[in-house]
Amino acid sequence: MSIYNNPGNIIKNIFKRELTWVWVFGFVLSLAAVALSAKNKLPLGKGDFVFLALVTLLVALYRPRWIFFLFVGSISLENIILTGGFLPIQLRLYQFFGGILILALAILFASKRLSFKLLKPIWIDWLVFSLIPFSFLALMAAPNKSASLKNNFVLISFVALYYLSRNFMRSRKDFAKTAAFLTISFLATTLFGFWQVFADKFGAKSLEVMFGRPNSTFTEPDWLGLYLCFALAVFLSLMFYILQTKKKAFVSKKSSALILDILIFLDVTLIVLTLSRSAWIGAAAVFTFYFLALVPSQKYISARKYAAGWRGFLREAAIIFSIVVISLATVHFGKLSKFDLSDRARSAATSEQKITIACENSTSILQTVSNTDELKKFNCRHINLEEINFYKSQGKVVTEIFRKDPNVMTRSAIYQKSWEILKIHPITGVGFGSITQNLGADERGAGLNESNVFLQVWAGSGIFGLIAFVVAIGYLFVYAFRRVSPVCPMNKFFGCPIIKDDFEKILSVFAVLGISALIIPNLFNAGLFMGIFWLGLAVVVNIRDFIEVEPRSGKVLDII
């Protein structure tokens, strides 16, 4: 049996002394970057940045894979900015590592010292690459061409990071190592997120951008929720593999399952605390597809069915359900959130939101208002939860009523305004960032965006860019889903795919869960310019490439 088919050998390889030190360094570096940013010690000065860049470049020339692992480990540090005013762009830590690594690979390639061949782009890559020329075509209709041009260069940088990631994940070991180093970003992000929660609970400065909602290493809670959905997809995929396989591993199955259960608990708890309804929906979808993958199926040849059958399925469902219940109970009884979770969930269905008001007297108070401006007619005002005791001490009548959820109304207005703009230039689009300029800003002063990744692509790269994006995402999802589903969708047209082994099944499961985690929350957000989106997309494309290429070549590529 090949060592690449034995998870024990893979895990032992991951935790070789060399990679263990890289993992520890990456974790400490991420925590240090978060702490320095929180203490306003970042961005770096010009001299410090140049020194760090030179040292990192030398390391990248010596061991490119080390820098790639640090890139993966810092992928969630979205609000950690390294550069100050001496560069025309804000450079995040993962962009810094990615940029240095691209430069190092270019030097190694030019000097003919690159130890591996660069991947030849496949048709999915060309669909992704096509967003760039289409975005420049959209400049013709952009109202602010310089701003849209800047966003185009940002898009180019993310596409470059996507292709960089494609080149460093080619084998079973590569996927396993990437997952191991992705836990660095999860642990750093989760620790800081819970620090914000407890700092807020005990009255310390929490550094939250929105009251009572942790955003951790992201610029807002919704982005944190999207990232946590993706991390949840990773953990559930690993759990699926542990349940599916009977092969011996370096760590016992019970210990591995316990560790993953703890990580899933932390992940779900923080998702709940973000109060991001888009993340809640995304997490629900990820869980749904996970359970669908666990349904016993006959679609194997060499691999076994889910070992415990329906009994095992029900046991795992009970465990996951218990984790979710314990997470909700922890938030509720621990009073970790200042908001009513049931009201937050209710507002998603009814478009009504419970608010606290203070009034001069209790007469003629409505149960529901369209907006808080109506409260003036009743000598009332909307107050924050921390102001309740103050207004009660002033003799005010403090009560709760419902108002139309402003977030739902804002999104509705955004979609309508975006459609009105895109109707004028449906073919070319209007350039990335143009709709934001027309929508204005929220109460924090942050620019409003399209609140939908497909609208974002349409606006930035036109209808042809949107078609390319939909075809790429749709194909990848259907390709993986047909291998995960207990039945065979479209069997009449394409036949029924056969799963060859446990590892192919886990890759297919992750592809479905990963795409769901990236796309479903992005139906309500515009997260195209996020590092985790492009890293996740690269992983999913490589999974399809791995399943298609490895059986034909009979070789297992391993470059890292």
Protein backbone atom coordinates (compact mmCIF):
# COMPACT_ATOMS: atom_id res chain seq x y z
CA MET A 1 0.00 0.00 0.00
CA SER A 2 1.34 3.42 -0.94
CA ILE A 3 2.29 5.70 1.90
CA TYR A 4 0.00 8.30 0.32
CA ASN A 5 -3.03 6.10 1.03
CA ASN A 6 -2.15 5.73 4.72
CA PRO A 7 -3.40 8.64 6.86
CA GLY A 8 -1.00 7.67 9.63
CA ASN A 9 2.00 8.27 7.38
CA ILE A 10 0.50 11.52 6.10
CA ILE A 11 -0.03 12.87 9.62
CA LYS A 12 3.45 11.79 10.71
CA ASN A 13 4.83 13.62 7.67
CA ILE A 14 2.88 16.75 8.56
CA PHE A 15 4.31 16.82 12.06
CA LYS A 16 7.91 16.27 11.11
CA ARG A 17 10.19 18.46 13.20
CA GLU A 18 10.69 20.98 10.39
CA LEU A 19 6.98 21.54 9.76
CA THR A 20 6.19 21.50 13.47
CA TRP A 21 8.45 24.50 13.99
CA VAL A 22 6.95 26.27 10.98
CA TRP A 23 3.47 25.64 12.43
CA VAL A 24 4.48 26.96 15.86
CA PHE A 25 6.17 29.99 14.32
CA GLY A 26 3.11 30.70 12.17
CA PHE A 27 0.79 30.49 15.16
CA VAL A 28 2.96 32.78 17.30
CA LEU A 29 3.34 35.19 14.37
CA SER A 30 -0.43 35.37 13.88
CA LEU A 31 -1.03 36.04 17.58
CA ALA A 32 1.74 38.66 17.60
CA ALA A 33 0.28 40.39 14.54
CA VAL A 34 -3.15 40.51 16.18
CA ALA A 35 -1.69 41.88 19.42
CA LEU A 36 0.42 44.51 17.64
CA SER A 37 -2.57 45.64 15.60
CA ALA A 38 -4.73 45.86 18.74
CA LYS A 39 -2.04 47.99 20.41
CA ASN A 40 -1.81 50.27 17.33
CA LYS A 41 1.79 49.18 16.64
CA LEU A 42 0.94 48.45 13.01
CA PRO A 43 1.38 49.33 10.18
CA LEU A 44 5.15 49.08 9.98
CA GLY A 45 7.48 51.91 9.09
CA LYS A 46 9.32 51.89 5.78
CA GLY A 47 12.61 50.61 7.22
CA ASP A 48 11.01 47.80 9.22
CA PHE A 49 8.92 46.74 6.25
CA VAL A 50 11.90 46.63 3.86
CA PHE A 51 13.93 44.58 6.35
CA LEU A 52 11.06 42.13 6.88
CA ALA A 53 10.51 41.84 3.12
CA LEU A 54 14.19 41.05 2.45
CA VAL A 55 14.34 38.39 5.18
CA THR A 56 11.10 36.82 3.98
CA LEU A 57 12.34 36.80 0.37
CA LEU A 58 15.53 34.99 1.38
CA VAL A 59 13.48 32.37 3.25
CA ALA A 60 11.13 32.03 0.26
CA LEU A 61 14.08 31.41 -2.06
CA TYR A 62 15.41 28.74 0.30
CA ARG A 63 12.11 27.06 1.26
CA PRO A 64 9.12 28.32 -0.75
CA ARG A 65 6.77 25.92 1.01
CA TRP A 66 7.45 27.54 4.40
CA ILE A 67 6.19 30.87 3.12
CA PHE A 68 3.17 29.20 1.52
CA PHE A 69 2.29 27.67 4.89
CA LEU A 70 2.61 31.08 6.56
CA PHE A 71 0.38 32.49 3.81
CA VAL A 72 -2.28 29.87 4.62
CA GLY A 73 -1.88 30.41 8.35
CA SER A 74 -2.46 34.16 8.06
CA ILE A 75 -5.33 34.01 5.54
CA SER A 76 -7.90 35.18 8.10
CA LEU A 77 -6.00 38.29 9.23
CA GLU A 78 -8.05 40.65 7.07
CA ASN A 79 -7.76 43.72 9.29
CA ILE A 80 -4.04 43.34 10.02
CA ILE A 81 -2.38 45.97 7.81
CA LEU A 82 1.41 45.89 7.43
CA THR A 83 2.07 48.95 5.27
CA GLY A 84 1.57 52.60 6.05
CA GLY A 85 1.40 55.59 3.76
CA PHE A 86 4.66 54.83 1.95
CA LEU A 87 2.85 52.37 -0.36
CA PRO A 88 -0.26 53.21 -2.41
CA ILE A 89 -2.00 50.05 -1.14
CA GLN A 90 -2.88 48.53 2.20
CA LEU A 91 -1.00 45.25 2.41
CA ARG A 92 -2.37 42.51 4.65
CA LEU A 93 -0.10 39.87 6.15
CA TYR A 94 -1.28 37.07 3.86
CA GLN A 95 -0.94 39.35 0.83
CA PHE A 96 2.60 40.14 1.96
CA PHE A 97 3.53 36.45 2.15
CA GLY A 98 1.78 35.71 -1.14
CA GLY A 99 3.47 38.60 -2.93
CA ILE A 100 6.92 37.67 -1.62
CA LEU A 101 6.36 34.04 -2.62
CA ILE A 102 5.34 35.02 -6.16
CA LEU A 103 8.49 37.15 -6.45
CA ALA A 104 10.64 34.28 -5.16
CA LEU A 105 9.10 31.82 -7.62
CA ALA A 106 9.71 34.28 -10.46
CA ILE A 107 13.39 34.55 -9.48
CA LEU A 108 13.75 30.77 -9.17
CA PHE A 109 12.01 30.24 -12.50
CA ALA A 110 14.18 32.82 -14.28
CA SER A 111 17.34 31.25 -12.85
CA LYS A 112 16.06 27.74 -13.74
CA ARG A 113 16.20 26.66 -10.12
CA LEU A 114 12.50 26.07 -9.59
CA SER A 115 12.16 22.51 -8.29
CA PHE A 116 8.72 21.86 -9.79
CA LYS A 117 6.82 22.66 -12.96
CA LEU A 118 4.14 25.30 -12.79
CA LEU A 119 0.64 24.03 -13.40
CA LYS A 120 -0.77 24.40 -16.86
CA PRO A 121 -4.09 26.28 -16.50
CA ILE A 122 -7.22 24.23 -17.14
CA TRP A 123 -10.47 25.57 -18.56
CA ILE A 124 -11.79 26.45 -15.09
CA ASP A 125 -8.71 28.59 -14.51
CA TRP A 126 -9.34 30.43 -17.77
CA LEU A 127 -12.90 31.16 -16.63
CA VAL A 128 -11.48 32.64 -13.43
CA PHE A 129 -8.78 34.54 -15.31
CA SER A 130 -11.41 35.98 -17.67
CA LEU A 131 -12.75 38.16 -14.85
CA ILE A 132 -9.67 40.36 -15.27
CA PRO A 133 -10.02 41.43 -18.95
CA PHE A 134 -13.79 41.77 -18.50
CA SER A 135 -13.17 44.05 -15.51
CA PHE A 136 -11.05 46.34 -17.69
CA LEU A 137 -13.81 46.35 -20.29
CA ALA A 138 -16.17 47.56 -17.56
CA LEU A 139 -13.99 50.65 -17.08
CA MET A 140 -15.65 52.18 -20.13
CA ALA A 141 -18.85 52.65 -18.13
CA ALA A 142 -17.26 53.29 -14.73
CA PRO A 143 -18.20 56.71 -13.28
CA ASN A 144 -14.92 56.85 -11.33
CA LYS A 145 -12.38 55.16 -13.55
CA SER A 146 -9.40 55.62 -11.23
CA ALA A 147 -11.20 53.99 -8.29
CA SER A 148 -12.42 51.09 -10.44
CA LEU A 149 -8.95 50.69 -11.96
CA LYS A 150 -7.49 50.38 -8.47
CA ASN A 151 -10.05 47.67 -7.66
CA ASN A 152 -9.10 45.89 -10.89
CA PHE A 153 -5.51 45.65 -9.68
CA VAL A 154 -6.81 44.31 -6.37
CA LEU A 155 -8.69 41.64 -8.36
CA ILE A 156 -5.49 40.78 -10.24
CA SER A 157 -3.68 40.29 -6.93
CA PHE A 158 -6.35 37.89 -5.67
CA VAL A 159 -6.39 35.91 -8.91
CA ALA A 160 -2.59 35.66 -8.63
CA LEU A 161 -2.96 34.32 -5.08
CA TYR A 162 -5.53 31.84 -6.37
CA TYR A 163 -3.14 30.49 -9.01
CA LEU A 164 -0.27 30.51 -6.51
CA SER A 165 -2.35 28.31 -4.19
CA ARG A 166 -3.23 26.02 -7.09
CA ASN A 167 0.47 25.34 -7.62
CA PHE A 168 1.15 24.42 -3.99
CA MET A 169 -1.67 21.91 -3.45
CA ARG A 170 -1.32 18.91 -5.75
CA SER A 171 -1.28 15.74 -3.67
CA ARG A 172 -2.90 14.05 -0.70
CA LYS A 173 -0.09 15.26 1.55
CA ASP A 174 -0.45 18.80 0.23
CA PHE A 175 -4.16 18.88 1.09
CA ALA A 176 -3.53 17.45 4.56
CA LYS A 177 -0.71 19.91 5.30
CA THR A 178 -2.78 22.85 4.10
CA ALA A 179 -5.62 21.81 6.42
CA ALA A 180 -3.17 21.56 9.32
CA PHE A 181 -1.82 25.06 8.71
CA LEU A 182 -5.30 26.46 8.16
CA THR A 183 -5.93 25.71 11.84
CA ILE A 184 -3.40 28.45 12.65
CA SER A 185 -5.69 31.08 11.19
CA PHE A 186 -8.71 29.49 12.89
CA LEU A 187 -7.11 29.39 16.34
CA ALA A 188 -5.79 32.96 16.13
CA THR A 189 -9.10 34.28 14.83
CA THR A 190 -11.17 32.32 17.35
CA LEU A 191 -9.02 33.32 20.32
CA PHE A 192 -9.25 37.00 19.44
CA GLY A 193 -12.98 36.67 18.73
CA PHE A 194 -13.66 35.19 22.18
CA TRP A 195 -11.36 37.79 23.73
CA GLN A 196 -13.62 40.46 22.23
CA VAL A 197 -16.70 38.68 23.61
CA PHE A 198 -15.38 38.47 27.16
CA ALA A 199 -13.84 41.94 27.06
CA ASP A 200 -17.25 43.31 26.12
CA LYS A 201 -18.96 41.22 28.79
CA PHE A 202 -16.72 42.51 31.59
CA GLY A 203 -16.65 46.11 30.43
CA ALA A 204 -13.17 46.25 28.92
CA LYS A 205 -12.32 47.76 25.55
CA SER A 206 -13.32 45.07 23.06
CA LEU A 207 -12.26 46.69 19.77
CA GLU A 208 -15.53 45.55 18.15
CA VAL A 209 -16.60 47.58 15.13
CA MET A 210 -20.28 46.87 15.87
CA PHE A 211 -21.80 46.91 19.33
CA GLY A 212 -22.00 43.45 20.88
CA ARG A 213 -20.84 41.63 17.74
CA PRO A 214 -17.28 40.22 17.54
CA ASN A 215 -15.47 40.75 14.27
CA SER A 216 -12.09 39.34 15.43
CA THR A 217 -9.49 39.66 12.65
CA PHE A 218 -12.03 40.79 10.05
CA THR A 219 -13.38 44.22 9.28
CA GLU A 220 -16.96 43.29 10.22
CA PRO A 221 -18.89 40.40 11.82
CA ASP A 222 -20.41 39.13 8.56
CA TRP A 223 -16.93 38.48 7.13
CA LEU A 224 -15.96 36.63 10.30
CA GLY A 225 -19.12 34.55 9.95
CA LEU A 226 -18.27 33.64 6.36
CA TYR A 227 -14.76 32.55 7.36
CA LEU A 228 -16.12 30.45 10.24
CA CYS A 229 -18.52 28.73 7.83
CA PHE A 230 -15.54 27.73 5.71
CA ALA A 231 -13.63 26.49 8.78
CA LEU A 232 -16.74 24.50 9.74
CA ALA A 233 -16.66 22.87 6.30
CA VAL A 234 -13.03 21.84 6.88
CA PHE A 235 -13.73 20.34 10.32
CA LEU A 236 -16.83 18.46 9.20
CA SER A 237 -14.96 17.05 6.19
CA LEU A 238 -12.20 15.79 8.48
CA MET A 239 -14.82 14.34 10.82
CA PHE A 240 -16.41 12.59 7.85
CA TYR A 241 -13.08 10.98 6.99
CA ILE A 242 -12.57 9.77 10.56
CA LEU A 243 -16.04 8.22 10.56
CA GLN A 244 -15.61 6.79 7.08
CA THR A 245 -12.21 5.16 7.17
CA LYS A 246 -10.99 2.11 9.07
CA LYS A 247 -7.32 2.81 8.39
CA LYS A 248 -5.06 3.35 11.36
CA ALA A 249 -3.85 6.87 11.96
CA PHE A 250 -1.14 8.52 14.03
CA VAL A 251 -3.82 9.68 16.50
CA SER A 252 -6.66 7.41 17.61
CA LYS A 253 -10.06 7.93 16.01
CA LYS A 254 -11.65 8.78 19.37
CA SER A 255 -9.03 11.42 20.15
CA SER A 256 -9.27 12.89 16.66
CA ALA A 257 -13.07 13.01 16.85
CA LEU A 258 -12.93 14.67 20.28
CA ILE A 259 -10.52 17.36 19.04
CA LEU A 260 -12.75 18.04 16.04
CA ASP A 261 -15.86 18.17 18.24
CA ILE A 262 -14.17 20.85 20.37
CA LEU A 263 -13.17 22.85 17.29
CA ILE A 264 -16.70 22.57 15.88
CA PHE A 265 -18.10 23.74 19.23
CA LEU A 266 -15.84 26.81 19.25
CA ASP A 267 -16.66 27.50 15.61
CA VAL A 268 -20.43 27.23 16.03
CA THR A 269 -20.41 29.28 19.24
CA LEU A 270 -18.55 32.14 17.59
CA ILE A 271 -20.82 31.95 14.52
CA VAL A 272 -23.77 32.39 16.87
CA LEU A 273 -22.10 35.34 18.59
CA THR A 274 -21.42 37.17 15.32
CA LEU A 275 -25.22 37.53 14.96
CA SER A 276 -24.62 37.21 11.22
CA ARG A 277 -27.78 35.72 9.78
CA SER A 278 -26.04 35.05 6.47
CA ALA A 279 -23.46 32.97 8.37
CA TRP A 280 -26.23 31.17 10.25
CA ILE A 281 -27.85 30.22 6.95
CA GLY A 282 -24.47 29.20 5.53
CA ALA A 283 -23.71 27.02 8.56
CA ALA A 284 -27.15 25.39 8.30
CA ALA A 285 -26.45 24.58 4.64
CA VAL A 286 -23.03 23.13 5.49
CA PHE A 287 -24.57 20.89 8.16
CA THR A 288 -27.31 19.81 5.74
CA PHE A 289 -24.88 18.73 3.03
CA TYR A 290 -22.71 17.02 5.65
CA PHE A 291 -25.62 14.87 6.81
CA LEU A 292 -26.51 14.16 3.20
CA ALA A 293 -22.98 12.89 2.61
CA LEU A 294 -23.27 10.63 5.66
CA VAL A 295 -26.35 8.86 4.30
CA PRO A 296 -25.31 5.25 3.57
CA SER A 297 -24.71 4.77 -0.14
CA GLN A 298 -23.80 1.99 -2.58
CA LYS A 299 -21.67 4.29 -4.77
CA TYR A 300 -18.33 2.70 -3.91
CA ILE A 301 -16.09 0.12 -5.49
CA SER A 302 -12.99 -0.37 -3.35
CA ALA A 303 -14.19 1.81 -0.50
CA ARG A 304 -16.67 0.69 2.12
CA LYS A 305 -20.04 2.12 2.88
CA TYR A 306 -20.31 4.38 5.87
CA ALA A 307 -19.14 1.84 8.42
CA ALA A 308 -21.98 1.99 10.94
CA GLY A 309 -24.87 2.41 8.49
CA TRP A 310 -28.00 4.23 9.63
CA ARG A 311 -27.17 3.66 13.29
CA GLY A 312 -23.89 5.50 12.85
CA PHE A 313 -25.63 8.23 10.85
CA LEU A 314 -28.12 8.84 13.67
CA ARG A 315 -25.35 8.77 16.28
CA GLU A 316 -23.32 11.41 14.42
CA ALA A 317 -26.45 13.51 13.86
CA ALA A 318 -27.15 13.36 17.59
CA ILE A 319 -23.58 14.44 18.40
CA ILE A 320 -23.70 17.40 16.02
CA PHE A 321 -27.15 18.39 17.29
CA SER A 322 -25.82 18.24 20.86
CA ILE A 323 -22.86 20.46 19.96
CA VAL A 324 -25.19 23.08 18.46
CA VAL A 325 -27.50 22.94 21.51
CA ILE A 326 -24.56 23.24 23.91
CA SER A 327 -23.25 26.21 21.90
CA LEU A 328 -26.61 27.97 22.10
CA ALA A 329 -26.92 27.15 25.81
CA THR A 330 -23.42 28.48 26.47
CA VAL A 331 -24.25 31.78 24.78
CA HIS A 332 -27.63 32.07 26.51
CA PHE A 333 -26.82 31.01 30.07
CA GLY A 334 -23.35 32.50 29.96
CA LYS A 335 -24.91 35.78 28.80
CA LEU A 336 -22.21 36.12 26.18
CA SER A 337 -24.42 38.12 23.82
CA LYS A 338 -26.24 41.35 24.57
CA PHE A 339 -28.85 40.50 21.95
CA ASP A 340 -31.87 38.21 21.93
CA LEU A 341 -30.84 35.37 19.62
CA SER A 342 -34.41 34.21 19.06
CA ASP A 343 -35.41 37.72 18.04
CA ARG A 344 -32.45 37.91 15.68
CA ALA A 345 -33.51 34.63 14.06
CA ARG A 346 -37.15 35.71 14.02
CA SER A 347 -36.31 38.92 12.18
CA ALA A 348 -34.85 36.90 9.32
CA ALA A 349 -38.30 35.40 8.70
CA THR A 350 -40.57 38.32 9.63
CA SER A 351 -38.35 41.29 8.71
CA GLU A 352 -39.18 42.75 12.12
CA GLN A 353 -36.66 43.55 14.83
CA LYS A 354 -37.19 43.98 18.56
CA ILE A 355 -35.79 47.26 19.92
CA THR A 356 -35.68 48.94 23.32
CA ILE A 357 -37.21 52.39 23.71
CA ALA A 358 -37.49 54.97 26.49
CA CYS A 359 -40.66 57.10 26.69
CA GLU A 360 -41.95 59.97 28.79
CA ASN A 361 -45.07 57.98 29.68
CA SER A 362 -46.74 54.68 28.84
CA THR A 363 -49.71 56.04 26.92
CA SER A 364 -50.22 55.48 23.18
CA ILE A 365 -47.06 53.43 22.57
CA LEU A 366 -47.32 51.42 19.36
CA GLN A 367 -46.30 47.77 19.22
CA THR A 368 -44.69 48.15 15.78
CA VAL A 369 -43.12 51.07 13.91
CA SER A 370 -41.66 51.33 10.43
CA ASN A 371 -38.58 53.21 11.64
CA THR A 372 -37.33 54.96 14.75
CA ASP A 373 -38.24 58.40 13.39
CA GLU A 374 -41.88 57.63 14.23
CA LEU A 375 -41.01 57.42 17.93
CA LYS A 376 -40.72 61.21 18.23
CA LYS A 377 -44.48 61.55 17.87
CA PHE A 378 -44.90 59.54 21.08
CA ASN A 379 -42.13 61.27 23.04
CA CYS A 380 -39.99 58.14 22.79
CA ARG A 381 -36.49 57.37 21.62
CA HIS A 382 -34.53 54.27 20.65
CA ILE A 383 -31.89 53.39 23.25
CA ASN A 384 -29.03 50.91 23.51
CA LEU A 385 -29.15 48.05 26.00
CA GLU A 386 -26.39 49.54 28.15
CA GLU A 387 -28.51 52.71 28.54
CA ILE A 388 -31.54 50.98 30.09
CA ASN A 389 -30.59 51.61 33.73
CA PHE A 390 -29.73 55.24 33.03
CA TYR A 391 -33.13 56.02 31.50
CA LYS A 392 -34.96 54.11 34.22
CA SER A 393 -33.17 56.24 36.82
CA GLN A 394 -34.45 59.31 34.95
CA GLY A 395 -38.01 58.11 35.43
CA LYS A 396 -38.51 57.10 31.80
CA VAL A 397 -40.73 54.21 30.77
CA VAL A 398 -38.47 51.59 29.19
CA THR A 399 -40.11 48.95 27.04
CA GLU A 400 -39.62 46.84 23.92
CA ILE A 401 -41.42 47.14 20.59
CA PHE A 402 -40.89 45.91 17.04
CA ARG A 403 -39.68 47.88 14.05
CA LYS A 404 -39.10 46.93 10.45
CA ASP A 405 -35.63 45.42 10.30
CA PRO A 406 -33.41 48.18 8.83
CA ASN A 407 -30.91 45.61 7.53
CA VAL A 408 -33.59 43.91 5.45
CA MET A 409 -34.86 47.26 4.20
CA THR A 410 -31.31 48.41 3.41
CA ARG A 411 -30.55 45.23 1.45
CA SER A 412 -33.80 45.58 -0.46
CA ALA A 413 -32.89 49.15 -1.36
CA ILE A 414 -29.36 48.05 -2.33
CA TYR A 415 -30.65 45.36 -4.69
CA GLN A 416 -33.11 47.78 -6.27
CA LYS A 417 -30.49 50.50 -6.70
CA SER A 418 -27.93 48.01 -8.05
CA TRP A 419 -30.44 46.73 -10.59
CA GLU A 420 -31.25 50.27 -11.71
CA ILE A 421 -27.54 50.93 -12.28
CA LEU A 422 -26.84 47.62 -14.03
CA LYS A 423 -29.83 48.02 -16.36
CA ILE A 424 -28.00 50.90 -18.00
CA HIS A 425 -24.83 48.87 -18.70
CA PRO A 426 -25.81 45.17 -18.42
CA ILE A 427 -23.16 43.90 -20.86
CA THR A 428 -20.00 45.68 -19.74
CA GLY A 429 -20.91 46.33 -16.12
CA VAL A 430 -19.88 49.53 -14.35
CA GLY A 431 -16.59 48.56 -12.73
CA PHE A 432 -15.72 47.25 -9.29
CA GLY A 433 -16.57 49.75 -6.57
CA SER A 434 -18.84 51.89 -8.75
CA ILE A 435 -22.07 50.74 -7.11
CA THR A 436 -20.58 51.45 -3.69
CA GLN A 437 -20.07 55.06 -4.75
CA ASN A 438 -23.76 55.30 -5.64
CA LEU A 439 -25.06 53.55 -2.53
CA GLY A 440 -23.30 55.73 0.02
CA ALA A 441 -22.24 54.60 3.50
CA ASP A 442 -23.75 52.98 6.57
CA GLU A 443 -23.99 54.50 10.05
CA ARG A 444 -20.30 53.64 10.68
CA GLY A 445 -19.18 55.49 7.58
CA ALA A 446 -18.27 52.27 5.76
CA GLY A 447 -19.26 52.15 2.10
CA LEU A 448 -22.24 49.98 1.25
CA ASN A 449 -21.64 47.25 -1.33
CA GLU A 450 -23.79 45.12 -3.61
CA SER A 451 -24.56 42.64 -0.76
CA ASN A 452 -24.40 39.76 -3.24
CA VAL A 453 -21.27 38.27 -4.77
CA PHE A 454 -22.98 37.60 -8.11
CA LEU A 455 -24.11 41.23 -8.33
CA GLN A 456 -20.57 42.23 -7.40
CA VAL A 457 -19.10 40.17 -10.25
CA TRP A 458 -21.73 41.43 -12.70
CA ALA A 459 -21.04 45.04 -11.76
CA GLY A 460 -17.27 44.61 -11.89
CA SER A 461 -16.81 42.28 -14.89
CA GLY A 462 -20.06 42.58 -16.82
CA ILE A 463 -22.45 39.88 -17.97
CA PHE A 464 -19.69 37.75 -19.54
CA GLY A 465 -17.70 37.79 -16.31
CA LEU A 466 -20.85 36.79 -14.43
CA ILE A 467 -21.46 33.90 -16.84
CA ALA A 468 -17.86 32.70 -16.43
CA PHE A 469 -18.15 32.92 -12.65
CA VAL A 470 -21.49 31.07 -12.52
CA VAL A 471 -20.26 28.33 -14.88
CA ALA A 472 -17.09 27.76 -12.83
CA ILE A 473 -18.85 27.69 -9.45
CA GLY A 474 -21.84 25.73 -10.75
CA TYR A 475 -19.70 23.09 -12.45
CA LEU A 476 -17.49 22.58 -9.40
CA PHE A 477 -20.50 22.16 -7.13
CA VAL A 478 -22.35 19.74 -9.41
CA TYR A 479 -19.17 17.76 -10.08
CA ALA A 480 -18.58 17.20 -6.36
CA PHE A 481 -22.24 16.87 -5.36
CA ARG A 482 -22.80 13.97 -7.75
CA ARG A 483 -20.06 12.09 -5.88
CA VAL A 484 -21.44 12.97 -2.45
CA SER A 485 -25.16 12.49 -3.00
CA PRO A 486 -26.57 9.07 -2.01
CA VAL A 487 -28.44 9.11 -5.33
CA CYS A 488 -27.15 10.00 -8.79
CA PRO A 489 -28.39 13.41 -10.02
CA MET A 490 -28.44 13.61 -13.85
CA ASN A 491 -27.56 9.90 -14.06
CA LYS A 492 -29.55 9.62 -17.29
CA PHE A 493 -27.23 12.09 -19.03
CA PHE A 494 -23.81 11.58 -17.44
CA GLY A 495 -23.86 8.20 -15.75
CA CYS A 496 -23.14 7.60 -12.08
CA PRO A 497 -19.67 8.56 -10.79
CA ILE A 498 -17.88 5.89 -8.79
CA ILE A 499 -15.94 6.77 -5.65
CA LYS A 500 -12.62 4.93 -5.68
CA ASP A 501 -11.47 5.35 -2.09
CA ASP A 502 -12.08 7.14 1.20
CA PHE A 503 -9.77 10.03 0.36
CA GLU A 504 -11.61 10.84 -2.86
CA LYS A 505 -14.87 10.84 -0.92
CA ILE A 506 -13.57 13.28 1.71
CA LEU A 507 -12.29 15.58 -1.05
CA SER A 508 -15.69 15.53 -2.74
CA VAL A 509 -17.43 16.16 0.59
CA PHE A 510 -15.18 19.12 1.29
CA ALA A 511 -15.75 20.53 -2.21
CA VAL A 512 -19.51 20.56 -1.62
CA LEU A 513 -19.25 21.94 1.92
CA GLY A 514 -16.55 24.46 0.96
CA ILE A 515 -18.48 25.89 -1.99
CA SER A 516 -21.62 26.10 0.17
CA ALA A 517 -19.67 27.92 2.90
CA LEU A 518 -18.21 30.43 0.43
CA ILE A 519 -21.26 31.08 -1.73
CA ILE A 520 -24.35 30.91 0.50
CA PRO A 521 -23.25 33.63 2.98
CA ASN A 522 -22.12 35.61 -0.07
CA LEU A 523 -25.68 35.64 -1.39
CA PHE A 524 -26.16 38.37 1.23
CA ASN A 525 -22.65 39.84 1.15
CA ALA A 526 -20.09 40.88 -1.45
CA GLY A 527 -16.99 39.02 -0.31
CA LEU A 528 -15.12 38.60 -3.58
CA PHE A 529 -12.11 40.51 -2.25
CA MET A 530 -11.39 38.17 0.66
CA GLY A 531 -8.35 35.93 0.86
CA ILE A 532 -10.29 32.92 2.15
CA PHE A 533 -12.59 33.06 -0.89
CA TRP A 534 -9.72 32.62 -3.35
CA LEU A 535 -7.83 30.08 -1.23
CA GLY A 536 -11.04 28.07 -0.86
CA LEU A 537 -11.74 28.28 -4.59
CA ALA A 538 -8.19 27.08 -5.34
CA VAL A 539 -8.65 24.09 -3.02
CA VAL A 540 -11.94 23.11 -4.69
CA VAL A 541 -10.47 23.41 -8.21
CA ASN A 542 -7.46 21.35 -7.14
CA ILE A 543 -9.78 18.69 -5.74
CA ARG A 544 -11.46 18.34 -9.12
CA ASP A 545 -8.03 18.33 -10.80
CA PHE A 546 -6.71 15.73 -8.37
CA ILE A 547 -9.68 13.37 -8.89
CA GLU A 548 -9.44 13.68 -12.68
CA VAL A 549 -5.65 13.63 -13.16
CA GLU A 550 -4.30 11.19 -10.54
CA PRO A 551 -6.06 8.06 -11.84
CA ARG A 552 -4.86 8.70 -15.41
CA SER A 553 -1.29 9.58 -14.53
CA GLY A 554 -0.78 6.95 -11.87
CA LYS A 555 1.45 9.49 -10.11
CA VAL A 556 1.10 11.41 -6.90
CA LEU A 557 2.55 14.88 -7.16
CA ASP A 558 4.04 16.31 -4.01
CA ILE A 559 5.86 19.60 -4.11
CA ILE A 560 5.51 20.77 -0.53
